[in-house]
């Protein structure tokens, strides 16, 4: 079975996505603040995805990652593709996150995604830019 976020990564060189398509209610998601941490950004990404808030998801990514996601985002404009994506996100039973590495400028967050009675593992790479952590 395909991983929840592996498809995101394949489509945009490291991740999930979203820019041009705001098809959900906007939320604060991934705002730059002193409380941001690599783990908090990844958790915000999943929260926004579960809510179908593409705009908030986009804010979790660096500008370079956003740019590389443009083709995938066009695909999410299709109502059937969006419905499949949302259905998959709603099946997540539990999300465990661990910061595996961090040097203050770059970090790696390991995610254990419990879905359909199985555990899928994904690695998110993040970078600190302009004082805010973003998936890169």
Protein backbone atom coordinates (compact mmCIF):
# COMPACT_ATOMS: atom_id res chain seq x y z
CA UNK A 1 0.00 0.00 0.00
CA UNK A 2 1.35 3.42 -0.88
CA UNK A 3 2.56 5.55 1.97
CA UNK A 4 0.57 8.63 2.91
CA UNK A 5 3.37 11.04 2.23
CA UNK A 6 5.63 9.07 -0.08
CA UNK A 7 3.48 10.13 -3.00
CA UNK A 8 3.87 13.75 -1.90
CA UNK A 9 7.61 13.39 -1.83
CA UNK A 10 7.82 11.75 -5.21
CA UNK A 11 5.75 14.52 -6.70
CA UNK A 12 7.76 17.34 -5.30
CA UNK A 13 11.19 16.37 -4.43
CA UNK A 14 10.56 16.04 -0.79
CA UNK A 15 7.14 16.65 -0.16
CA UNK A 16 3.59 17.24 0.05
CA UNK A 17 1.99 19.99 -1.11
CA UNK A 18 0.45 22.80 -2.22
CA UNK A 19 0.32 26.22 -3.32
CA UNK A 20 -2.03 27.56 -5.79
CA UNK A 21 -5.07 25.68 -4.70
CA UNK A 22 -6.82 26.92 -1.66
CA UNK A 23 -9.76 24.60 -1.36
CA UNK A 24 -10.37 24.67 2.34
CA UNK A 25 -10.90 27.17 5.05
CA UNK A 26 -7.71 29.01 5.78
CA UNK A 27 -6.04 28.36 9.09
CA UNK A 28 -3.03 29.82 10.77
CA UNK A 29 -0.96 26.68 10.08
CA UNK A 30 2.82 26.95 10.03
CA UNK A 31 3.12 30.56 11.11
CA UNK A 32 6.54 31.80 12.05
CA UNK A 33 6.83 32.17 15.79
CA UNK A 34 9.27 31.52 18.58
CA UNK A 35 7.31 28.37 19.37
CA UNK A 36 7.95 26.79 15.97
CA UNK A 37 10.03 23.67 15.99
CA UNK A 38 10.71 21.09 13.27
CA UNK A 39 8.28 18.70 14.98
CA UNK A 40 5.58 21.38 15.28
CA UNK A 41 5.80 22.18 11.56
CA UNK A 42 5.36 18.53 10.54
CA UNK A 43 2.45 18.15 12.97
CA UNK A 44 0.88 21.33 11.51
CA UNK A 45 1.26 19.89 8.03
CA UNK A 46 -0.68 16.78 8.97
CA UNK A 47 -3.34 18.80 10.79
CA UNK A 48 -3.83 21.02 7.75
CA UNK A 49 -3.92 18.01 5.40
CA UNK A 50 -6.52 16.27 7.54
CA UNK A 51 -8.63 19.44 7.42
CA UNK A 52 -8.19 19.74 3.64
CA UNK A 53 -6.58 23.15 4.12
CA UNK A 54 -4.14 23.29 1.23
CA UNK A 55 -3.26 26.91 1.90
CA UNK A 56 -2.09 26.03 5.42
CA UNK A 57 -0.18 23.02 4.06
CA UNK A 58 1.66 25.24 1.62
CA UNK A 59 2.84 27.46 4.46
CA UNK A 60 4.69 24.48 5.97
CA UNK A 61 7.06 24.30 2.98
CA UNK A 62 10.03 26.34 1.92
CA UNK A 63 9.62 28.44 -1.24
CA UNK A 64 11.73 25.94 -3.21
CA UNK A 65 9.58 23.01 -2.06
CA UNK A 66 6.43 24.95 -2.95
CA UNK A 67 7.70 25.62 -6.44
CA UNK A 68 8.52 21.98 -7.05
CA UNK A 69 4.98 21.02 -5.99
CA UNK A 70 3.16 22.98 -8.66
CA UNK A 71 2.41 19.96 -10.89
CA UNK A 72 1.02 17.95 -7.99
CA UNK A 73 -1.08 20.88 -6.90
CA UNK A 74 -2.68 21.09 -10.29
CA UNK A 75 -3.68 17.44 -9.79
CA UNK A 76 -5.36 18.25 -6.47
CA UNK A 77 -7.65 20.66 -8.30
CA UNK A 78 -9.46 17.54 -9.50
CA UNK A 79 -12.28 16.80 -7.05
CA UNK A 80 -11.72 13.03 -7.25
CA UNK A 81 -7.99 13.38 -6.52
CA UNK A 82 -8.74 15.66 -3.59
CA UNK A 83 -11.35 13.21 -2.27
CA UNK A 84 -8.85 10.30 -2.44
CA UNK A 85 -6.23 12.38 -0.66
CA UNK A 86 -8.66 13.45 2.07
CA UNK A 87 -9.94 9.91 2.56
CA UNK A 88 -6.37 8.68 3.06
CA UNK A 89 -5.59 11.44 5.57
CA UNK A 90 -8.71 10.65 7.60
CA UNK A 91 -7.50 7.07 8.07
CA UNK A 92 -4.52 8.16 10.15
CA UNK A 93 -5.02 6.69 13.60
CA UNK A 94 -1.92 8.06 15.29
CA UNK A 95 1.09 10.18 14.38
CA UNK A 96 4.37 9.89 16.30
CA UNK A 97 7.11 12.43 15.53
CA UNK A 98 10.73 12.44 16.64
CA UNK A 99 13.40 15.00 15.84
CA UNK A 100 16.26 12.73 14.76
CA UNK A 101 18.80 15.42 13.92
CA UNK A 102 19.04 19.16 14.32
CA UNK A 103 21.98 21.52 14.11
CA UNK A 104 19.92 24.67 14.57
CA UNK A 105 19.71 25.34 10.82
CA UNK A 106 18.60 21.97 9.44
CA UNK A 107 16.64 19.15 10.99
CA UNK A 108 15.27 15.73 10.25
CA UNK A 109 11.93 14.63 11.69
CA UNK A 110 11.01 10.95 11.68
CA UNK A 111 7.29 10.26 11.43
CA UNK A 112 5.57 7.01 12.35
CA UNK A 113 2.14 7.15 10.76
CA UNK A 114 -0.34 4.59 12.09
CA UNK A 115 -2.86 3.97 9.33
CA UNK A 116 -5.08 1.02 8.50
CA UNK A 117 -3.54 -1.00 11.32
CA UNK A 118 -0.02 -0.56 9.91
CA UNK A 119 2.84 1.78 10.66
CA UNK A 120 4.40 3.75 7.81
CA UNK A 121 7.63 5.60 8.42
CA UNK A 122 8.59 8.83 6.68
CA UNK A 123 11.45 11.27 7.05
CA UNK A 124 10.92 15.01 6.70
CA UNK A 125 13.87 17.32 6.13
CA UNK A 126 13.47 20.88 7.34
CA UNK A 127 15.51 24.05 7.14
CA UNK A 128 15.44 27.23 9.19
CA UNK A 129 14.97 30.26 6.95
CA UNK A 130 14.18 33.79 8.07
CA UNK A 131 13.67 32.52 11.61
CA UNK A 132 11.07 29.89 10.71
CA UNK A 133 11.31 26.12 10.21
CA UNK A 134 9.94 24.85 6.89
CA UNK A 135 9.89 21.48 5.15
CA UNK A 136 12.50 21.63 2.44
